[in-house]
PDB file of N, CA and C in Angstrom:
ATOM      1  N   MET A   1     -99.243 -50.803  46.254  1.00  0.00           N
ATOM      2  CA  MET A   1     -98.715 -50.367  47.537  1.00  0.00           C
ATOM      3  C   MET A   1     -98.875 -48.854  47.654  1.00  0.00           C
ATOM      4  N   LEU A   2     -99.026 -48.375  48.861  1.00  0.00           N
ATOM      5  CA  LEU A   2     -99.282 -46.956  49.092  1.00  0.00           C
ATOM      6  C   LEU A   2     -98.159 -46.038  48.646  1.00  0.00           C
ATOM      7  N   SER A   3     -96.921 -46.503  48.707  1.00  0.00           N
ATOM      8  CA  SER A   3     -95.807 -45.637  48.325  1.00  0.00           C
ATOM      9  C   SER A   3     -95.888 -45.241  46.860  1.00  0.00           C
ATOM     10  N   LYS A   4     -96.569 -46.041  46.041  1.00  0.00           N
ATOM     11  CA  LYS A   4     -96.745 -45.692  44.637  1.00  0.00           C
ATOM     12  C   LYS A   4     -97.833 -44.634  44.472  1.00  0.00           C
ATOM     13  N   LEU A   5     -98.798 -44.601  45.383  1.00  0.00           N
ATOM     14  CA  LEU A   5     -99.872 -43.622  45.296  1.00  0.00           C
ATOM     15  C   LEU A   5     -99.410 -42.218  45.660  1.00  0.00           C
ATOM     16  N   ILE A   6     -98.491 -42.131  46.597  1.00  0.00           N
ATOM     17  CA  ILE A   6     -97.990 -40.834  47.032  1.00  0.00           C
ATOM     18  C   ILE A   6     -96.617 -40.632  46.414  1.00  0.00           C
ATOM     19  N   LYS A   7     -96.500 -39.626  45.585  1.00  0.00           N
ATOM     20  CA  LYS A   7     -95.220 -39.343  44.946  1.00  0.00           C
ATOM     21  C   LYS A   7     -94.335 -38.617  45.945  1.00  0.00           C
ATOM     22  N   GLU A   8     -93.326 -39.324  46.418  1.00  0.00           N
ATOM     23  CA  GLU A   8     -92.486 -38.806  47.480  1.00  0.00           C
ATOM     24  C   GLU A   8     -91.748 -37.531  47.083  1.00  0.00           C
ATOM     25  N   LYS A   9     -91.461 -37.359  45.804  1.00  0.00           N
ATOM     26  CA  LYS A   9     -90.744 -36.164  45.349  1.00  0.00           C
ATOM     27  C   LYS A   9     -91.599 -34.909  45.449  1.00  0.00           C
ATOM     28  N   GLU A  10     -92.915 -35.070  45.561  1.00  0.00           N
ATOM     29  CA  GLU A  10     -93.806 -33.916  45.658  1.00  0.00           C
ATOM     30  C   GLU A  10     -93.821 -33.327  47.067  1.00  0.00           C
ATOM     31  N   PHE A  11     -93.250 -34.025  48.023  1.00  0.00           N
ATOM     32  CA  PHE A  11     -93.223 -33.552  49.400  1.00  0.00           C
ATOM     33  C   PHE A  11     -91.864 -32.961  49.718  1.00  0.00           C
ATOM     34  N   LYS A  12     -91.868 -31.959  50.552  1.00  0.00           N
ATOM     35  CA  LYS A  12     -90.619 -31.334  50.985  1.00  0.00           C
ATOM     36  C   LYS A  12     -90.642 -31.202  52.495  1.00  0.00           C
ATOM     37  N   ASN A  13     -89.487 -31.375  53.098  1.00  0.00           N
ATOM     38  CA  ASN A  13     -89.364 -31.128  54.530  1.00  0.00           C
ATOM     39  C   ASN A  13     -88.830 -29.717  54.677  1.00  0.00           C
ATOM     40  N   LEU A  14     -89.632 -28.831  55.200  1.00  0.00           N
ATOM     41  CA  LEU A  14     -89.213 -27.451  55.364  1.00  0.00           C
ATOM     42  C   LEU A  14     -88.496 -27.229  56.689  1.00  0.00           C
ATOM     43  N   GLY A  15     -88.230 -28.300  57.412  1.00  0.00           N
ATOM     44  CA  GLY A  15     -87.516 -28.188  58.669  1.00  0.00           C
ATOM     45  C   GLY A  15     -88.367 -27.663  59.810  1.00  0.00           C
ATOM     46  N   LYS A  16     -89.658 -27.695  59.688  1.00  0.00           N
ATOM     47  CA  LYS A  16     -90.545 -27.201  60.732  1.00  0.00           C
ATOM     48  C   LYS A  16     -91.110 -28.380  61.507  1.00  0.00           C
ATOM     49  N   LYS A  17     -90.361 -28.853  62.485  1.00  0.00           N
ATOM     50  CA  LYS A  17     -90.769 -29.948  63.361  1.00  0.00           C
ATOM     51  C   LYS A  17     -91.045 -31.242  62.601  1.00  0.00           C
ATOM     52  N   GLY A  18     -90.459 -31.413  61.419  1.00  0.00           N
ATOM     53  CA  GLY A  18     -90.608 -32.654  60.684  1.00  0.00           C
ATOM     54  C   GLY A  18     -91.953 -32.846  60.032  1.00  0.00           C
ATOM     55  N   ILE A  19     -92.729 -31.793  59.869  1.00  0.00           N
ATOM     56  CA  ILE A  19     -94.050 -31.927  59.262  1.00  0.00           C
ATOM     57  C   ILE A  19     -93.919 -31.763  57.745  1.00  0.00           C
ATOM     58  N   PRO A  20     -94.444 -32.702  56.965  1.00  0.00           N
ATOM     59  CA  PRO A  20     -94.363 -32.585  55.515  1.00  0.00           C
ATOM     60  C   PRO A  20     -95.009 -31.296  55.015  1.00  0.00           C
ATOM     61  N   TYR A  21     -94.505 -30.791  53.924  1.00  0.00           N
ATOM     62  CA  TYR A  21     -94.976 -29.542  53.339  1.00  0.00           C
ATOM     63  C   TYR A  21     -96.484 -29.558  53.082  1.00  0.00           C
ATOM     64  N   ALA A  22     -97.005 -30.698  52.621  1.00  0.00           N
ATOM     65  CA  ALA A  22     -98.422 -30.782  52.265  1.00  0.00           C
ATOM     66  C   ALA A  22     -99.347 -30.575  53.455  1.00  0.00           C
ATOM     67  N   VAL A  23     -98.868 -30.849  54.653  1.00  0.00           N
ATOM     68  CA  VAL A  23     -99.720 -30.689  55.825  1.00  0.00           C
ATOM     69  C   VAL A  23     -99.158 -29.653  56.792  1.00  0.00           C
ATOM     70  N   GLU A  24     -98.230 -28.849  56.321  1.00  0.00           N
ATOM     71  CA  GLU A  24     -97.576 -27.867  57.182  1.00  0.00           C
ATOM     72  C   GLU A  24     -98.571 -26.937  57.853  1.00  0.00           C
ATOM     73  N   LYS A  25     -99.565 -26.493  57.118  1.00  0.00           N
ATOM     74  CA  LYS A  25    -100.511 -25.527  57.657  1.00  0.00           C
ATOM     75  C   LYS A  25    -101.752 -26.169  58.262  1.00  0.00           C
ATOM     76  N   GLN A  26    -101.848 -27.478  58.148  1.00  0.00           N
ATOM     77  CA  GLN A  26    -102.981 -28.195  58.724  1.00  0.00           C
ATOM     78  C   GLN A  26    -102.857 -28.178  60.240  1.00  0.00           C
ATOM     79  N   LYS A  27    -103.941 -27.907  60.918  1.00  0.00           N
ATOM     80  CA  LYS A  27    -103.929 -27.913  62.380  1.00  0.00           C
ATOM     81  C   LYS A  27    -103.852 -29.352  62.877  1.00  0.00           C
ATOM     82  N   LEU A  28    -102.896 -29.610  63.767  1.00  0.00           N
ATOM     83  CA  LEU A  28    -102.771 -30.942  64.336  1.00  0.00           C
ATOM     84  C   LEU A  28    -103.816 -31.109  65.421  1.00  0.00           C
ATOM     85  N   VAL A  29    -104.640 -32.123  65.296  1.00  0.00           N
ATOM     86  CA  VAL A  29    -105.749 -32.351  66.207  1.00  0.00           C
ATOM     87  C   VAL A  29    -105.426 -33.547  67.094  1.00  0.00           C
ATOM     88  N   GLU A  30    -105.677 -33.388  68.373  1.00  0.00           N
ATOM     89  CA  GLU A  30    -105.449 -34.504  69.286  1.00  0.00           C
ATOM     90  C   GLU A  30    -106.505 -35.577  69.031  1.00  0.00           C
ATOM     91  N   ARG A  31    -106.020 -36.800  68.737  1.00  0.00           N
ATOM     92  CA  ARG A  31    -106.920 -37.898  68.397  1.00  0.00           C
ATOM     93  C   ARG A  31    -106.651 -39.151  69.216  1.00  0.00           C
ATOM     94  N   ALA A  32    -105.794 -39.058  70.205  1.00  0.00           N
ATOM     95  CA  ALA A  32    -105.375 -40.252  70.938  1.00  0.00           C
ATOM     96  C   ALA A  32    -106.537 -41.006  71.570  1.00  0.00           C
ATOM     97  N   ASN A  33    -107.612 -40.313  71.888  1.00  0.00           N
ATOM     98  CA  ASN A  33    -108.744 -41.001  72.506  1.00  0.00           C
ATOM     99  C   ASN A  33    -109.512 -41.860  71.505  1.00  0.00           C
ATOM    100  N   TRP A  34    -109.216 -41.768  70.220  1.00  0.00           N
ATOM    101  CA  TRP A  34    -109.871 -42.580  69.203  1.00  0.00           C
ATOM    102  C   TRP A  34    -109.270 -43.972  69.109  1.00  0.00           C
ATOM    103  N   ARG A  35    -108.000 -44.082  69.396  1.00  0.00           N
ATOM    104  CA  ARG A  35    -107.289 -45.296  69.021  1.00  0.00           C
ATOM    105  C   ARG A  35    -107.392 -46.413  70.060  1.00  0.00           C
ATOM    106  N   VAL A  36    -107.267 -47.627  69.540  1.00  0.00           N
ATOM    107  CA  VAL A  36    -107.221 -48.827  70.363  1.00  0.00           C
ATOM    108  C   VAL A  36    -105.783 -49.353  70.384  1.00  0.00           C
ATOM    109  N   PHE A  37    -105.072 -49.167  69.269  1.00  0.00           N
ATOM    110  CA  PHE A  37    -103.694 -49.620  69.136  1.00  0.00           C
ATOM    111  C   PHE A  37    -102.782 -48.427  68.886  1.00  0.00           C
ATOM    112  N   LYS A  38    -101.537 -48.536  69.315  1.00  0.00           N
ATOM    113  CA  LYS A  38    -100.578 -47.466  69.050  1.00  0.00           C
ATOM    114  C   LYS A  38     -99.285 -48.060  68.505  1.00  0.00           C
ATOM    115  N   PRO A  39     -98.567 -47.291  67.684  1.00  0.00           N
ATOM    116  CA  PRO A  39     -97.300 -47.775  67.148  1.00  0.00           C
ATOM    117  C   PRO A  39     -96.174 -47.626  68.164  1.00  0.00           C
ATOM    118  N   VAL A  40     -95.263 -48.595  68.165  1.00  0.00           N
ATOM    119  CA  VAL A  40     -94.082 -48.566  69.021  1.00  0.00           C
ATOM    120  C   VAL A  40     -92.868 -48.794  68.121  1.00  0.00           C
ATOM    121  N   ILE A  41     -91.882 -47.907  68.209  1.00  0.00           N
ATOM    122  CA  ILE A  41     -90.719 -47.968  67.326  1.00  0.00           C
ATOM    123  C   ILE A  41     -89.532 -48.613  68.036  1.00  0.00           C
ATOM    124  N   ASP A  42     -88.902 -49.581  67.372  1.00  0.00           N
ATOM    125  CA  ASP A  42     -87.661 -50.181  67.856  1.00  0.00           C
ATOM    126  C   ASP A  42     -86.520 -49.443  67.156  1.00  0.00           C
ATOM    127  N   TYR A  43     -85.876 -48.542  67.886  1.00  0.00           N
ATOM    128  CA  TYR A  43     -84.852 -47.683  67.292  1.00  0.00           C
ATOM    129  C   TYR A  43     -83.573 -48.427  66.925  1.00  0.00           C
ATOM    130  N   GLU A  44     -83.380 -49.632  67.431  1.00  0.00           N
ATOM    131  CA  GLU A  44     -82.216 -50.420  67.044  1.00  0.00           C
ATOM    132  C   GLU A  44     -82.369 -50.985  65.633  1.00  0.00           C
ATOM    133  N   LYS A  45     -83.606 -51.212  65.200  1.00  0.00           N
ATOM    134  CA  LYS A  45     -83.872 -51.719  63.854  1.00  0.00           C
ATOM    135  C   LYS A  45     -84.088 -50.602  62.841  1.00  0.00           C
ATOM    136  N   CYS A  46     -84.467 -49.412  63.300  1.00  0.00           N
ATOM    137  CA  CYS A  46     -84.842 -48.305  62.416  1.00  0.00           C
ATOM    138  C   CYS A  46     -83.670 -47.868  61.535  1.00  0.00           C
ATOM    139  N   ILE A  47     -83.940 -47.683  60.236  1.00  0.00           N
ATOM    140  CA  ILE A  47     -82.912 -47.243  59.294  1.00  0.00           C
ATOM    141  C   ILE A  47     -83.091 -45.769  58.896  1.00  0.00           C
ATOM    142  N   LYS A  48     -83.992 -45.075  59.572  1.00  0.00           N
ATOM    143  CA  LYS A  48     -84.235 -43.638  59.348  1.00  0.00           C
ATOM    144  C   LYS A  48     -84.655 -43.324  57.917  1.00  0.00           C
ATOM    145  N   CYS A  49     -85.471 -44.188  57.325  1.00  0.00           N
ATOM    146  CA  CYS A  49     -85.899 -43.974  55.938  1.00  0.00           C
ATOM    147  C   CYS A  49     -86.922 -42.850  55.817  1.00  0.00           C
ATOM    148  N   GLY A  50     -87.680 -42.607  56.884  1.00  0.00           N
ATOM    149  CA  GLY A  50     -88.654 -41.524  56.882  1.00  0.00           C
ATOM    150  C   GLY A  50     -89.996 -41.855  56.255  1.00  0.00           C
ATOM    151  N   LEU A  51     -90.213 -43.093  55.873  1.00  0.00           N
ATOM    152  CA  LEU A  51     -91.487 -43.450  55.241  1.00  0.00           C
ATOM    153  C   LEU A  51     -92.658 -43.327  56.208  1.00  0.00           C
ATOM    154  N   CYS A  52     -92.447 -43.635  57.475  1.00  0.00           N
ATOM    155  CA  CYS A  52     -93.536 -43.491  58.454  1.00  0.00           C
ATOM    156  C   CYS A  52     -93.928 -42.020  58.574  1.00  0.00           C
ATOM    157  N   TRP A  53     -92.952 -41.165  58.618  1.00  0.00           N
ATOM    158  CA  TRP A  53     -93.175 -39.716  58.694  1.00  0.00           C
ATOM    159  C   TRP A  53     -93.890 -39.210  57.441  1.00  0.00           C
ATOM    160  N   LEU A  54     -93.439 -39.687  56.290  1.00  0.00           N
ATOM    161  CA  LEU A  54     -93.979 -39.226  55.013  1.00  0.00           C
ATOM    162  C   LEU A  54     -95.418 -39.664  54.779  1.00  0.00           C
ATOM    163  N   HIS A  55     -95.745 -40.871  55.179  1.00  0.00           N
ATOM    164  CA  HIS A  55     -97.062 -41.437  54.873  1.00  0.00           C
ATOM    165  C   HIS A  55     -98.097 -41.278  55.974  1.00  0.00           C
ATOM    166  N   CYS A  56     -97.725 -40.736  57.115  1.00  0.00           N
ATOM    167  CA  CYS A  56     -98.681 -40.580  58.210  1.00  0.00           C
ATOM    168  C   CYS A  56     -99.775 -39.586  57.821  1.00  0.00           C
ATOM    169  N   PRO A  57    -101.040 -40.003  57.786  1.00  0.00           N
ATOM    170  CA  PRO A  57    -102.119 -39.115  57.356  1.00  0.00           C
ATOM    171  C   PRO A  57    -102.432 -37.994  58.355  1.00  0.00           C
ATOM    172  N   ASP A  58    -101.948 -38.137  59.585  1.00  0.00           N
ATOM    173  CA  ASP A  58    -102.237 -37.147  60.619  1.00  0.00           C
ATOM    174  C   ASP A  58    -101.038 -36.285  60.980  1.00  0.00           C
ATOM    175  N   ALA A  59     -99.922 -36.482  60.289  1.00  0.00           N
ATOM    176  CA  ALA A  59     -98.678 -35.763  60.595  1.00  0.00           C
ATOM    177  C   ALA A  59     -98.305 -35.937  62.058  1.00  0.00           C
ATOM    178  N   ALA A  60     -98.482 -37.153  62.568  1.00  0.00           N
ATOM    179  CA  ALA A  60     -98.177 -37.446  63.964  1.00  0.00           C
ATOM    180  C   ALA A  60     -96.687 -37.677  64.184  1.00  0.00           C
ATOM    181  N   TYR A  61     -95.943 -37.860  63.101  1.00  0.00           N
ATOM    182  CA  TYR A  61     -94.515 -38.122  63.212  1.00  0.00           C
ATOM    183  C   TYR A  61     -93.705 -36.848  63.016  1.00  0.00           C
ATOM    184  N   SER A  62     -92.646 -36.762  63.791  1.00  0.00           N
ATOM    185  CA  SER A  62     -91.633 -35.734  63.584  1.00  0.00           C
ATOM    186  C   SER A  62     -90.294 -36.468  63.560  1.00  0.00           C
ATOM    187  N   VAL A  63     -89.228 -35.741  63.280  1.00  0.00           N
ATOM    188  CA  VAL A  63     -87.907 -36.343  63.209  1.00  0.00           C
ATOM    189  C   VAL A  63     -87.036 -35.674  64.262  1.00  0.00           C
ATOM    190  N   ASP A  64     -86.374 -36.488  65.091  1.00  0.00           N
ATOM    191  CA  ASP A  64     -85.530 -35.910  66.136  1.00  0.00           C
ATOM    192  C   ASP A  64     -84.181 -35.478  65.566  1.00  0.00           C
ATOM    193  N   LYS A  65     -83.309 -34.964  66.400  1.00  0.00           N
ATOM    194  CA  LYS A  65     -82.012 -34.432  65.959  1.00  0.00           C
ATOM    195  C   LYS A  65     -81.099 -35.495  65.363  1.00  0.00           C
ATOM    196  N   LYS A  66     -81.319 -36.745  65.744  1.00  0.00           N
ATOM    197  CA  LYS A  66     -80.509 -37.841  65.210  1.00  0.00           C
ATOM    198  C   LYS A  66     -81.094 -38.438  63.938  1.00  0.00           C
ATOM    199  N   GLY A  67     -82.254 -37.945  63.518  1.00  0.00           N
ATOM    200  CA  GLY A  67     -82.888 -38.430  62.301  1.00  0.00           C
ATOM    201  C   GLY A  67     -83.887 -39.551  62.501  1.00  0.00           C
ATOM    202  N   PHE A  68     -84.154 -39.905  63.756  1.00  0.00           N
ATOM    203  CA  PHE A  68     -85.127 -40.963  64.041  1.00  0.00           C
ATOM    204  C   PHE A  68     -86.544 -40.401  64.074  1.00  0.00           C
ATOM    205  N   PRO A  69     -87.524 -41.178  63.625  1.00  0.00           N
ATOM    206  CA  PRO A  69     -88.917 -40.743  63.713  1.00  0.00           C
ATOM    207  C   PRO A  69     -89.425 -40.824  65.138  1.00  0.00           C
ATOM    208  N   VAL A  70     -90.269 -39.859  65.498  1.00  0.00           N
ATOM    209  CA  VAL A  70     -90.892 -39.830  66.827  1.00  0.00           C
ATOM    210  C   VAL A  70     -92.390 -39.635  66.612  1.00  0.00           C
ATOM    211  N   CYS A  71     -93.187 -40.510  67.190  1.00  0.00           N
ATOM    212  CA  CYS A  71     -94.639 -40.432  67.031  1.00  0.00           C
ATOM    213  C   CYS A  71     -95.242 -39.643  68.190  1.00  0.00           C
ATOM    214  N   ASP A  72     -96.029 -38.628  67.862  1.00  0.00           N
ATOM    215  CA  ASP A  72     -96.727 -37.842  68.871  1.00  0.00           C
ATOM    216  C   ASP A  72     -97.987 -38.600  69.261  1.00  0.00           C
ATOM    217  N   GLY A  73     -97.993 -39.135  70.459  1.00  0.00           N
ATOM    218  CA  GLY A  73     -99.110 -39.954  70.932  1.00  0.00           C
ATOM    219  C   GLY A  73    -100.422 -39.211  71.042  1.00  0.00           C
ATOM    220  N   LYS A  74    -100.384 -37.895  71.142  1.00  0.00           N
ATOM    221  CA  LYS A  74    -101.617 -37.113  71.246  1.00  0.00           C
ATOM    222  C   LYS A  74    -102.282 -36.917  69.891  1.00  0.00           C
ATOM    223  N   VAL A  75    -101.495 -36.945  68.821  1.00  0.00           N
ATOM    224  CA  VAL A  75    -102.014 -36.696  67.481  1.00  0.00           C
ATOM    225  C   VAL A  75    -102.332 -38.002  66.744  1.00  0.00           C
ATOM    226  N   CYS A  76    -101.584 -39.057  67.025  1.00  0.00           N
ATOM    227  CA  CYS A  76    -101.767 -40.348  66.354  1.00  0.00           C
ATOM    228  C   CYS A  76    -103.150 -40.918  66.653  1.00  0.00           C
ATOM    229  N   LYS A  77    -103.879 -41.290  65.595  1.00  0.00           N
ATOM    230  CA  LYS A  77    -105.201 -41.886  65.799  1.00  0.00           C
ATOM    231  C   LYS A  77    -105.170 -43.410  65.743  1.00  0.00           C
ATOM    232  N   GLY A  78    -103.988 -43.973  65.489  1.00  0.00           N
ATOM    233  CA  GLY A  78    -103.850 -45.424  65.521  1.00  0.00           C
ATOM    234  C   GLY A  78    -104.247 -46.135  64.251  1.00  0.00           C
ATOM    235  N   CYS A  79    -104.096 -45.505  63.102  1.00  0.00           N
ATOM    236  CA  CYS A  79    -104.443 -46.163  61.841  1.00  0.00           C
ATOM    237  C   CYS A  79    -103.437 -47.251  61.480  1.00  0.00           C
ATOM    238  N   LEU A  80    -102.222 -47.155  62.022  1.00  0.00           N
ATOM    239  CA  LEU A  80    -101.150 -48.128  61.858  1.00  0.00           C
ATOM    240  C   LEU A  80    -100.644 -48.270  60.426  1.00  0.00           C
ATOM    241  N   LEU A  81    -100.817 -47.244  59.627  1.00  0.00           N
ATOM    242  CA  LEU A  81    -100.242 -47.216  58.286  1.00  0.00           C
ATOM    243  C   LEU A  81     -98.721 -47.280  58.375  1.00  0.00           C
ATOM    244  N   CYS A  82     -98.165 -46.669  59.399  1.00  0.00           N
ATOM    245  CA  CYS A  82     -96.718 -46.680  59.598  1.00  0.00           C
ATOM    246  C   CYS A  82     -96.190 -48.100  59.779  1.00  0.00           C
ATOM    247  N   VAL A  83     -96.947 -48.941  60.451  1.00  0.00           N
ATOM    248  CA  VAL A  83     -96.553 -50.331  60.666  1.00  0.00           C
ATOM    249  C   VAL A  83     -96.502 -51.058  59.331  1.00  0.00           C
ATOM    250  N   GLU A  84     -97.479 -50.809  58.491  1.00  0.00           N
ATOM    251  CA  GLU A  84     -97.562 -51.471  57.191  1.00  0.00           C
ATOM    252  C   GLU A  84     -96.473 -50.985  56.235  1.00  0.00           C
ATOM    253  N   ILE A  85     -96.149 -49.706  56.279  1.00  0.00           N
ATOM    254  CA  ILE A  85     -95.235 -49.098  55.308  1.00  0.00           C
ATOM    255  C   ILE A  85     -93.762 -49.291  55.658  1.00  0.00           C
ATOM    256  N   CYS A  86     -93.449 -49.598  56.906  1.00  0.00           N
ATOM    257  CA  CYS A  86     -92.056 -49.708  57.358  1.00  0.00           C
ATOM    258  C   CYS A  86     -91.343 -50.860  56.640  1.00  0.00           C
ATOM    259  N   PRO A  87     -90.244 -50.568  55.919  1.00  0.00           N
ATOM    260  CA  PRO A  87     -89.572 -51.623  55.152  1.00  0.00           C
ATOM    261  C   PRO A  87     -88.807 -52.626  56.015  1.00  0.00           C
ATOM    262  N   VAL A  88     -88.395 -52.237  57.220  1.00  0.00           N
ATOM    263  CA  VAL A  88     -87.638 -53.150  58.087  1.00  0.00           C
ATOM    264  C   VAL A  88     -88.469 -53.651  59.262  1.00  0.00           C
ATOM    265  N   LYS A  89     -89.746 -53.294  59.284  1.00  0.00           N
ATOM    266  CA  LYS A  89     -90.691 -53.738  60.315  1.00  0.00           C
ATOM    267  C   LYS A  89     -90.205 -53.412  61.728  1.00  0.00           C
ATOM    268  N   CYS A  90     -89.686 -52.191  61.909  1.00  0.00           N
ATOM    269  CA  CYS A  90     -89.231 -51.776  63.238  1.00  0.00           C
ATOM    270  C   CYS A  90     -90.367 -51.153  64.046  1.00  0.00           C
ATOM    271  N   ILE A  91     -91.519 -50.955  63.423  1.00  0.00           N
ATOM    272  CA  ILE A  91     -92.667 -50.399  64.138  1.00  0.00           C
ATOM    273  C   ILE A  91     -93.643 -51.535  64.404  1.00  0.00           C
ATOM    274  N   THR A  92     -93.956 -51.728  65.670  1.00  0.00           N
ATOM    275  CA  THR A  92     -94.878 -52.791  66.059  1.00  0.00           C
ATOM    276  C   THR A  92     -96.120 -52.162  66.698  1.00  0.00           C
ATOM    277  N   VAL A  93     -97.059 -53.004  67.053  1.00  0.00           N
ATOM    278  CA  VAL A  93     -98.347 -52.553  67.573  1.00  0.00           C
ATOM    279  C   VAL A  93     -98.462 -52.880  69.061  1.00  0.00           C
ATOM    280  N   LYS A  94     -98.950 -51.911  69.825  1.00  0.00           N
ATOM    281  CA  LYS A  94     -99.242 -52.141  71.235  1.00  0.00           C
ATOM    282  C   LYS A  94    -100.710 -51.820  71.466  1.00  0.00           C
ATOM    283  N   LYS A  95    -101.420 -52.718  72.129  1.00  0.00           N
ATOM    284  CA  LYS A  95    -102.835 -52.499  72.412  1.00  0.00           C
ATOM    285  C   LYS A  95    -102.952 -51.586  73.616  1.00  0.00           C
ATOM    286  N   GLU A  96    -103.765 -50.528  73.468  1.00  0.00           N
ATOM    287  CA  GLU A  96    -103.956 -49.570  74.545  1.00  0.00           C
ATOM    288  C   GLU A  96    -105.215 -49.831  75.351  1.00  0.00           C
ATOM    289  N   ARG A  97    -106.277 -50.187  74.680  1.00  0.00           N
ATOM    290  CA  ARG A  97    -107.558 -50.420  75.376  1.00  0.00           C
ATOM    291  C   ARG A  97    -108.395 -51.409  74.600  1.00  0.00           C
ATOM    292  N   GLY A  98    -109.501 -51.777  75.187  1.00  0.00           N
ATOM    293  CA  GLY A  98    -110.441 -52.652  74.496  1.00  0.00           C
ATOM    294  C   GLY A  98    -110.298 -54.025  74.907  1.00  0.00           C
TER     295      GLY A  98
END
């Protein structure tokens, strides 16, 4: 499983818009025109574990003031790793085009 590949203790949240330390200085690139599917979060099921935020390869997730993950639709390329990694399956898939 991917969570074993990425050592979560090696990442730190520096409080800068919820971007993990490892990608803090990486320029966020708009990729929304690449994707066919997008993630949709059900906040009633979400347990605020932060795994979607931690494992997102594009740093498309940030954390709001209540601790919930928020996906930036302009940065998300639709890889749907967040859907796979979510332990409570609160992130589902919505088809955008195609």
